[in-house]
Amino acid sequence: MENEVIDYTVNGDSFTGYLAWDSGINEKRPGVILVHEWWGHNAFVRKQADRLAELGYYAFAVDMFGTGKQTDDPAEAQKFHDEALKSPVVLEARFRTALSLLQQHAGVDPNRIAAQGYCFGGGVVLAMARLGLELRGAVSFHGALTSDVVAKKGKIQAEIQVYTGGADAMIPPQQVGAFVEEMQEAGAKLTLVSYPGVLHGFTNPAATERGEKFGLPLAYNQEAAMDSWQGALDFYQKIFN
């Protein structure tokens, strides 16, 4: 297994990503972009990239906040989150730059790219799908389903998978219903899985401790984490073959 820290710039600002891959595979292979939670680009998203790399994918954990902008403090995380989302143009530029870096890598098949995101990152990949970016798939784990970007009929290229907690106070049923309606009107191919009784952040083993520490409705759920991970892997096998 190989990995590389990649420093890059977007409109003069510095960002730091993490690329992981299996150097023992010679043929070009699919790539997956991973977008971090609102805590920033940290060890959790890098571990998810490593897991995908072990399965033969090029996995690029991107940075949507900026070099060094990661935190365990909710107030600071909210500040980073709001800055990244201040303009759809800013968000798209940051994502497109990372997408281009992955597509240009010698070992990557540029026509077989998907994106997956967690929490804030889930909302990002869904926004990019709404914009019609050239993605085979977009997978959201406990991600925001609302967006300033509204999908237009026929524009979405990516097949979409959404995994959400049925008891997620940050993604209430009304938001889920509105998202499904939006995707139907846009003609998107969508699979949505809701886990009964599961809270926000269910894929991250640190979620329960953070929730208790800061009084936030977060909790890890091993069953949902494992089921959604396997669902995403099955999805990639389908869309890349």
C-alpha atoms as a PDB file:
ATOM      1  CA  MET A   1       0.000   0.000   0.000  1.00  0.00           C
ATOM      2  CA  GLU A   2       1.125   3.520  -0.798  1.00  0.00           C
ATOM      3  CA  ASN A   3      -0.018   6.928   0.344  1.00  0.00           C
ATOM      4  CA  GLU A   4       0.944  10.500  -0.402  1.00  0.00           C
ATOM      5  CA  VAL A   5       0.131  13.854   1.163  1.00  0.00           C
ATOM      6  CA  ILE A   6      -0.720  16.259  -1.649  1.00  0.00           C
ATOM      7  CA  ASP A   7      -0.530  20.025  -1.202  1.00  0.00           C
ATOM      8  CA  TYR A   8      -2.404  22.099  -3.755  1.00  0.00           C
ATOM      9  CA  THR A   9      -3.915  25.551  -4.174  1.00  0.00           C
ATOM     10  CA  VAL A  10      -7.334  26.839  -5.183  1.00  0.00           C
ATOM     11  CA  ASN A  11      -7.617  30.529  -6.043  1.00  0.00           C
ATOM     12  CA  GLY A  12      -4.480  31.266  -4.023  1.00  0.00           C
ATOM     13  CA  ASP A  13      -5.533  29.319  -0.907  1.00  0.00           C
ATOM     14  CA  SER A  14      -3.623  26.246   0.313  1.00  0.00           C
ATOM     15  CA  PHE A  15      -5.193  22.814   0.754  1.00  0.00           C
ATOM     16  CA  THR A  16      -3.797  19.446   1.829  1.00  0.00           C
ATOM     17  CA  GLY A  17      -5.211  16.131   0.591  1.00  0.00           C
ATOM     18  CA  TYR A  18      -4.292  12.491   1.060  1.00  0.00           C
ATOM     19  CA  LEU A  19      -4.040   9.920  -1.732  1.00  0.00           C
ATOM     20  CA  ALA A  20      -3.921   6.168  -1.026  1.00  0.00           C
ATOM     21  CA  TRP A  21      -3.525   3.259  -3.476  1.00  0.00           C
ATOM     22  CA  ASP A  22      -2.208  -0.255  -3.952  1.00  0.00           C
ATOM     23  CA  SER A  23       1.003  -0.028  -5.980  1.00  0.00           C
ATOM     24  CA  GLY A  24       0.813  -3.735  -6.768  1.00  0.00           C
ATOM     25  CA  ILE A  25      -1.994  -3.180  -9.276  1.00  0.00           C
ATOM     26  CA  ASN A  26      -0.732  -2.147 -12.708  1.00  0.00           C
ATOM     27  CA  GLU A  27      -3.849  -1.448 -14.755  1.00  0.00           C
ATOM     28  CA  LYS A  28      -5.805   1.797 -14.540  1.00  0.00           C
ATOM     29  CA  ARG A  29      -8.529   1.623 -11.953  1.00  0.00           C
ATOM     30  CA  PRO A  30     -11.443   3.667 -10.583  1.00  0.00           C
ATOM     31  CA  GLY A  31     -10.928   6.556  -8.217  1.00  0.00           C
ATOM     32  CA  VAL A  32     -13.010   7.659  -5.249  1.00  0.00           C
ATOM     33  CA  ILE A  33     -12.975  11.155  -3.779  1.00  0.00           C
ATOM     34  CA  LEU A  34     -13.679  11.302  -0.040  1.00  0.00           C
ATOM     35  CA  VAL A  35     -14.957  14.493   1.604  1.00  0.00           C
ATOM     36  CA  HIS A  36     -14.544  14.944   5.343  1.00  0.00           C
ATOM     37  CA  GLU A  37     -16.976  15.805   8.137  1.00  0.00           C
ATOM     38  CA  TRP A  38     -17.372  19.337   9.470  1.00  0.00           C
ATOM     39  CA  TRP A  39     -14.446  18.635  11.834  1.00  0.00           C
ATOM     40  CA  GLY A  40     -12.160  18.956   8.827  1.00  0.00           C
ATOM     41  CA  HIS A  41      -9.678  16.733   6.986  1.00  0.00           C
ATOM     42  CA  ASN A  42      -8.507  14.446   9.781  1.00  0.00           C
ATOM     43  CA  ALA A  43      -7.442  10.888  10.594  1.00  0.00           C
ATOM     44  CA  PHE A  44     -10.971   9.506  10.181  1.00  0.00           C
ATOM     45  CA  VAL A  45     -11.315  10.433   6.506  1.00  0.00           C
ATOM     46  CA  ARG A  46      -7.764   9.253   5.805  1.00  0.00           C
ATOM     47  CA  LYS A  47      -8.573   5.889   7.335  1.00  0.00           C
ATOM     48  CA  GLN A  48     -11.586   5.582   5.039  1.00  0.00           C
ATOM     49  CA  ALA A  49      -9.287   6.311   2.085  1.00  0.00           C
ATOM     50  CA  ASP A  50      -6.919   3.569   3.246  1.00  0.00           C
ATOM     51  CA  ARG A  51      -9.810   1.112   3.454  1.00  0.00           C
ATOM     52  CA  LEU A  52     -10.808   1.831  -0.140  1.00  0.00           C
ATOM     53  CA  ALA A  53      -7.211   1.628  -1.337  1.00  0.00           C
ATOM     54  CA  GLU A  54      -6.912  -1.833   0.181  1.00  0.00           C
ATOM     55  CA  LEU A  55      -9.783  -2.877  -2.088  1.00  0.00           C
ATOM     56  CA  GLY A  56      -8.007  -1.665  -5.222  1.00  0.00           C
ATOM     57  CA  TYR A  57      -9.314   1.876  -5.644  1.00  0.00           C
ATOM     58  CA  TYR A  58      -7.373   5.095  -5.858  1.00  0.00           C
ATOM     59  CA  ALA A  59      -8.794   6.985  -2.885  1.00  0.00           C
ATOM     60  CA  PHE A  60      -8.287  10.736  -2.538  1.00  0.00           C
ATOM     61  CA  ALA A  61      -9.325  12.272   0.776  1.00  0.00           C
ATOM     62  CA  VAL A  62      -9.686  15.912  -0.195  1.00  0.00           C
ATOM     63  CA  ASP A  63      -9.571  19.094   1.839  1.00  0.00           C
ATOM     64  CA  MET A  64     -12.516  21.483   1.561  1.00  0.00           C
ATOM     65  CA  PHE A  65     -11.572  23.855   4.402  1.00  0.00           C
ATOM     66  CA  GLY A  66      -7.884  24.642   3.847  1.00  0.00           C
ATOM     67  CA  THR A  67      -4.532  23.416   5.115  1.00  0.00           C
ATOM     68  CA  GLY A  68      -4.534  22.940   8.892  1.00  0.00           C
ATOM     69  CA  LYS A  69      -8.234  23.720   9.309  1.00  0.00           C
ATOM     70  CA  GLN A  70      -9.343  20.780  11.414  1.00  0.00           C
ATOM     71  CA  THR A  71     -10.688  20.861  14.937  1.00  0.00           C
ATOM     72  CA  ASP A  72     -12.504  19.083  17.763  1.00  0.00           C
ATOM     73  CA  ASP A  73     -14.325  22.268  18.761  1.00  0.00           C
ATOM     74  CA  PRO A  74     -17.890  22.575  17.399  1.00  0.00           C
ATOM     75  CA  ALA A  75     -17.791  26.379  17.209  1.00  0.00           C
ATOM     76  CA  GLU A  76     -14.609  26.352  15.145  1.00  0.00           C
ATOM     77  CA  ALA A  77     -15.949  23.520  12.990  1.00  0.00           C
ATOM     78  CA  GLN A  78     -19.059  25.581  12.290  1.00  0.00           C
ATOM     79  CA  LYS A  79     -16.874  28.521  11.271  1.00  0.00           C
ATOM     80  CA  PHE A  80     -14.912  26.372   8.792  1.00  0.00           C
ATOM     81  CA  HIS A  81     -18.154  24.845   7.516  1.00  0.00           C
ATOM     82  CA  ASP A  82     -19.808  28.221   6.938  1.00  0.00           C
ATOM     83  CA  GLU A  83     -16.761  29.627   5.162  1.00  0.00           C
ATOM     84  CA  ALA A  84     -16.642  26.672   2.751  1.00  0.00           C
ATOM     85  CA  LEU A  85     -20.352  26.981   2.018  1.00  0.00           C
ATOM     86  CA  LYS A  86     -20.431  30.765   1.626  1.00  0.00           C
ATOM     87  CA  SER A  87     -20.728  30.401  -2.145  1.00  0.00           C
ATOM     88  CA  PRO A  88     -21.558  27.471  -4.451  1.00  0.00           C
ATOM     89  CA  VAL A  89     -18.845  28.823  -6.764  1.00  0.00           C
ATOM     90  CA  VAL A  90     -16.218  28.503  -4.009  1.00  0.00           C
ATOM     91  CA  LEU A  91     -17.347  25.000  -3.116  1.00  0.00           C
ATOM     92  CA  GLU A  92     -17.378  23.852  -6.729  1.00  0.00           C
ATOM     93  CA  ALA A  93     -13.908  25.275  -7.419  1.00  0.00           C
ATOM     94  CA  ARG A  94     -12.443  23.427  -4.447  1.00  0.00           C
ATOM     95  CA  PHE A  95     -14.060  20.155  -5.437  1.00  0.00           C
ATOM     96  CA  ARG A  96     -13.259  20.453  -9.151  1.00  0.00           C
ATOM     97  CA  THR A  97      -9.586  21.092  -8.415  1.00  0.00           C
ATOM     98  CA  ALA A  98      -9.389  17.924  -6.331  1.00  0.00           C
ATOM     99  CA  LEU A  99     -11.324  15.984  -8.958  1.00  0.00           C
ATOM    100  CA  SER A 100      -8.900  17.104 -11.652  1.00  0.00           C
ATOM    101  CA  LEU A 101      -5.894  16.083  -9.536  1.00  0.00           C
ATOM    102  CA  LEU A 102      -7.311  12.586  -9.142  1.00  0.00           C
ATOM    103  CA  GLN A 103      -8.276  12.244 -12.807  1.00  0.00           C
ATOM    104  CA  GLN A 104      -4.791  13.258 -13.926  1.00  0.00           C
ATOM    105  CA  HIS A 105      -3.046  10.585 -11.852  1.00  0.00           C
ATOM    106  CA  ALA A 106      -1.354   8.021 -14.095  1.00  0.00           C
ATOM    107  CA  GLY A 107      -3.008   5.049 -12.423  1.00  0.00           C
ATOM    108  CA  VAL A 108      -6.560   6.372 -12.466  1.00  0.00           C
ATOM    109  CA  ASP A 109      -9.219   5.788 -15.087  1.00  0.00           C
ATOM    110  CA  PRO A 110     -10.544   9.375 -15.396  1.00  0.00           C
ATOM    111  CA  ASN A 111     -13.904   8.137 -16.639  1.00  0.00           C
ATOM    112  CA  ARG A 112     -14.563   6.019 -13.556  1.00  0.00           C
ATOM    113  CA  ILE A 113     -14.727   8.410 -10.606  1.00  0.00           C
ATOM    114  CA  ALA A 114     -17.142   8.464  -7.673  1.00  0.00           C
ATOM    115  CA  ALA A 115     -17.350  10.596  -4.553  1.00  0.00           C
ATOM    116  CA  GLN A 116     -18.372   9.807  -1.002  1.00  0.00           C
ATOM    117  CA  GLY A 117     -18.788  12.164   1.901  1.00  0.00           C
ATOM    118  CA  TYR A 118     -19.558  12.203   5.588  1.00  0.00           C
ATOM    119  CA  CYS A 119     -21.751  14.795   7.366  1.00  0.00           C
ATOM    120  CA  PHE A 120     -20.638  18.092   5.761  1.00  0.00           C
ATOM    121  CA  GLY A 121     -18.889  16.016   3.093  1.00  0.00           C
ATOM    122  CA  GLY A 122     -22.058  14.115   2.282  1.00  0.00           C
ATOM    123  CA  GLY A 123     -23.751  17.407   1.525  1.00  0.00           C
ATOM    124  CA  VAL A 124     -20.798  18.409  -0.652  1.00  0.00           C
ATOM    125  CA  VAL A 125     -20.893  15.327  -2.865  1.00  0.00           C
ATOM    126  CA  LEU A 126     -24.656  15.660  -3.291  1.00  0.00           C
ATOM    127  CA  ALA A 127     -24.218  19.316  -4.281  1.00  0.00           C
ATOM    128  CA  MET A 128     -21.630  18.304  -6.870  1.00  0.00           C
ATOM    129  CA  ALA A 129     -24.006  15.672  -8.232  1.00  0.00           C
ATOM    130  CA  ARG A 130     -26.727  18.318  -8.466  1.00  0.00           C
ATOM    131  CA  LEU A 131     -24.358  20.477 -10.520  1.00  0.00           C
ATOM    132  CA  GLY A 132     -23.933  17.650 -12.994  1.00  0.00           C
ATOM    133  CA  LEU A 133     -20.252  16.907 -12.432  1.00  0.00           C
ATOM    134  CA  GLU A 134     -18.819  13.929 -14.292  1.00  0.00           C
ATOM    135  CA  LEU A 135     -19.150  11.411 -11.464  1.00  0.00           C
ATOM    136  CA  ARG A 136     -20.271   7.814 -11.840  1.00  0.00           C
ATOM    137  CA  GLY A 137     -21.657   7.830  -8.308  1.00  0.00           C
ATOM    138  CA  ALA A 138     -22.188   9.965  -5.215  1.00  0.00           C
ATOM    139  CA  VAL A 139     -22.522   8.409  -1.754  1.00  0.00           C
ATOM    140  CA  SER A 140     -23.594  10.374   1.313  1.00  0.00           C
ATOM    141  CA  PHE A 141     -23.195   9.092   4.871  1.00  0.00           C
ATOM    142  CA  HIS A 142     -25.303  11.110   7.351  1.00  0.00           C
ATOM    143  CA  GLY A 143     -24.908  14.126   5.062  1.00  0.00           C
ATOM    144  CA  ALA A 144     -27.029  17.238   4.729  1.00  0.00           C
ATOM    145  CA  LEU A 145     -29.735  16.776   2.109  1.00  0.00           C
ATOM    146  CA  THR A 146     -30.542  20.449   1.578  1.00  0.00           C
ATOM    147  CA  SER A 147     -28.455  22.647  -0.694  1.00  0.00           C
ATOM    148  CA  ASP A 148     -28.331  26.090  -2.268  1.00  0.00           C
ATOM    149  CA  VAL A 149     -27.869  24.161  -5.510  1.00  0.00           C
ATOM    150  CA  VAL A 150     -31.169  22.866  -6.880  1.00  0.00           C
ATOM    151  CA  ALA A 151     -31.018  19.916  -9.259  1.00  0.00           C
ATOM    152  CA  LYS A 152     -32.347  20.527 -12.752  1.00  0.00           C
ATOM    153  CA  LYS A 153     -34.157  17.809 -14.630  1.00  0.00           C
ATOM    154  CA  GLY A 154     -31.788  15.598 -16.586  1.00  0.00           C
ATOM    155  CA  LYS A 155     -28.603  17.292 -15.344  1.00  0.00           C
ATOM    156  CA  ILE A 156     -27.465  14.779 -12.716  1.00  0.00           C
ATOM    157  CA  GLN A 157     -24.994  12.276 -14.165  1.00  0.00           C
ATOM    158  CA  ALA A 158     -24.147  10.390 -10.972  1.00  0.00           C
ATOM    159  CA  GLU A 159     -26.144   7.558  -9.495  1.00  0.00           C
ATOM    160  CA  ILE A 160     -26.816   8.508  -5.883  1.00  0.00           C
ATOM    161  CA  GLN A 161     -26.813   6.584  -2.628  1.00  0.00           C
ATOM    162  CA  VAL A 162     -27.804   8.169   0.675  1.00  0.00           C
ATOM    163  CA  TYR A 163     -27.439   6.588   4.112  1.00  0.00           C
ATOM    164  CA  THR A 164     -29.124   8.485   6.917  1.00  0.00           C
ATOM    165  CA  GLY A 165     -30.137   7.947  10.538  1.00  0.00           C
ATOM    166  CA  GLY A 166     -33.829   7.652  11.223  1.00  0.00           C
ATOM    167  CA  ALA A 167     -33.372   9.538  14.503  1.00  0.00           C
ATOM    168  CA  ASP A 168     -30.913  12.113  13.112  1.00  0.00           C
ATOM    169  CA  ALA A 169     -32.086  15.467  14.486  1.00  0.00           C
ATOM    170  CA  MET A 170     -29.867  17.272  11.959  1.00  0.00           C
ATOM    171  CA  ILE A 171     -31.482  15.474   9.007  1.00  0.00           C
ATOM    172  CA  PRO A 172     -35.184  15.370   9.999  1.00  0.00           C
ATOM    173  CA  PRO A 173     -37.841  13.442   8.060  1.00  0.00           C
ATOM    174  CA  GLN A 174     -39.056  16.602   6.323  1.00  0.00           C
ATOM    175  CA  GLN A 175     -35.592  17.136   4.856  1.00  0.00           C
ATOM    176  CA  VAL A 176     -35.403  13.527   3.715  1.00  0.00           C
ATOM    177  CA  GLY A 177     -38.812  13.754   2.041  1.00  0.00           C
ATOM    178  CA  ALA A 178     -37.965  17.024   0.282  1.00  0.00           C
ATOM    179  CA  PHE A 179     -34.713  15.534  -1.005  1.00  0.00           C
ATOM    180  CA  VAL A 180     -36.422  12.454  -2.417  1.00  0.00           C
ATOM    181  CA  GLU A 181     -38.964  14.672  -4.152  1.00  0.00           C
ATOM    182  CA  GLU A 182     -36.184  16.858  -5.582  1.00  0.00           C
ATOM    183  CA  MET A 183     -34.332  13.849  -6.934  1.00  0.00           C
ATOM    184  CA  GLN A 184     -37.482  12.395  -8.463  1.00  0.00           C
ATOM    185  CA  GLU A 185     -38.243  15.664 -10.210  1.00  0.00           C
ATOM    186  CA  ALA A 186     -34.648  15.834 -11.470  1.00  0.00           C
ATOM    187  CA  GLY A 187     -34.818  12.289 -12.845  1.00  0.00           C
ATOM    188  CA  ALA A 188     -31.928  11.091 -10.691  1.00  0.00           C
ATOM    189  CA  LYS A 189     -31.298   7.441  -9.927  1.00  0.00           C
ATOM    190  CA  LEU A 190     -31.452   7.344  -6.126  1.00  0.00           C
ATOM    191  CA  THR A 191     -31.209   4.741  -3.402  1.00  0.00           C
ATOM    192  CA  LEU A 192     -31.865   5.992   0.130  1.00  0.00           C
ATOM    193  CA  VAL A 193     -31.455   3.907   3.278  1.00  0.00           C
ATOM    194  CA  SER A 194     -32.719   5.145   6.636  1.00  0.00           C
ATOM    195  CA  TYR A 195     -31.624   3.321   9.811  1.00  0.00           C
ATOM    196  CA  PRO A 196     -34.311   3.361  12.539  1.00  0.00           C
ATOM    197  CA  GLY A 197     -33.217   4.932  15.811  1.00  0.00           C
ATOM    198  CA  VAL A 198     -29.762   5.863  14.495  1.00  0.00           C
ATOM    199  CA  LEU A 199     -28.291   9.313  15.222  1.00  0.00           C
ATOM    200  CA  HIS A 200     -26.042  11.658  13.262  1.00  0.00           C
ATOM    201  CA  GLY A 201     -22.399  10.691  12.725  1.00  0.00           C
ATOM    202  CA  PHE A 202     -23.083   6.948  12.892  1.00  0.00           C
ATOM    203  CA  THR A 203     -20.029   5.942  10.791  1.00  0.00           C
ATOM    204  CA  ASN A 204     -17.462   7.603  13.057  1.00  0.00           C
ATOM    205  CA  PRO A 205     -16.357   5.714  16.200  1.00  0.00           C
ATOM    206  CA  ALA A 206     -15.544   9.074  17.834  1.00  0.00           C
ATOM    207  CA  ALA A 207     -19.108  10.367  17.428  1.00  0.00           C
ATOM    208  CA  THR A 208     -20.506   9.082  20.732  1.00  0.00           C
ATOM    209  CA  GLU A 209     -17.719  10.587  22.834  1.00  0.00           C
ATOM    210  CA  ARG A 210     -17.953  13.912  20.997  1.00  0.00           C
ATOM    211  CA  GLY A 211     -21.703  13.956  21.389  1.00  0.00           C
ATOM    212  CA  GLU A 212     -21.468  13.399  25.126  1.00  0.00           C
ATOM    213  CA  LYS A 213     -18.661  15.929  25.529  1.00  0.00           C
ATOM    214  CA  PHE A 214     -20.385  18.746  23.672  1.00  0.00           C
ATOM    215  CA  GLY A 215     -24.038  17.883  24.252  1.00  0.00           C
ATOM    216  CA  LEU A 216     -24.617  17.146  20.572  1.00  0.00           C
ATOM    217  CA  PRO A 217     -27.027  14.501  19.182  1.00  0.00           C
ATOM    218  CA  LEU A 218     -24.223  12.313  17.776  1.00  0.00           C
ATOM    219  CA  ALA A 219     -23.571   8.600  18.203  1.00  0.00           C
ATOM    220  CA  TYR A 220     -21.632   5.834  16.495  1.00  0.00           C
ATOM    221  CA  ASN A 221     -23.666   2.821  15.432  1.00  0.00           C
ATOM    222  CA  GLN A 222     -21.587  -0.172  14.433  1.00  0.00           C
ATOM    223  CA  GLU A 223     -24.379  -2.013  12.631  1.00  0.00           C
ATOM    224  CA  ALA A 224     -25.317   1.007  10.505  1.00  0.00           C
ATOM    225  CA  ALA A 225     -21.656   1.814   9.871  1.00  0.00           C
ATOM    226  CA  MET A 226     -20.925  -1.693   8.609  1.00  0.00           C
ATOM    227  CA  ASP A 227     -24.103  -1.971   6.564  1.00  0.00           C
ATOM    228  CA  SER A 228     -23.636   1.402   4.843  1.00  0.00           C
ATOM    229  CA  TRP A 229     -19.965   0.663   4.103  1.00  0.00           C
ATOM    230  CA  GLN A 230     -20.840  -2.651   2.483  1.00  0.00           C
ATOM    231  CA  GLY A 231     -23.653  -0.986   0.585  1.00  0.00           C
ATOM    232  CA  ALA A 232     -21.236   1.582  -0.821  1.00  0.00           C
ATOM    233  CA  LEU A 233     -18.763  -1.140  -1.850  1.00  0.00           C
ATOM    234  CA  ASP A 234     -21.503  -3.071  -3.638  1.00  0.00           C
ATOM    235  CA  PHE A 235     -22.552   0.162  -5.330  1.00  0.00           C
ATOM    236  CA  TYR A 236     -19.021   0.785  -6.617  1.00  0.00           C
ATOM    237  CA  GLN A 237     -18.777  -2.737  -7.963  1.00  0.00           C
ATOM    238  CA  LYS A 238     -21.948  -2.094  -9.939  1.00  0.00           C
ATOM    239  CA  ILE A 239     -21.235   1.363 -11.359  1.00  0.00           C
ATOM    240  CA  PHE A 240     -17.566   0.750 -12.194  1.00  0.00           C
ATOM    241  CA  ASN A 241     -18.044  -2.571 -14.006  1.00  0.00           C
END
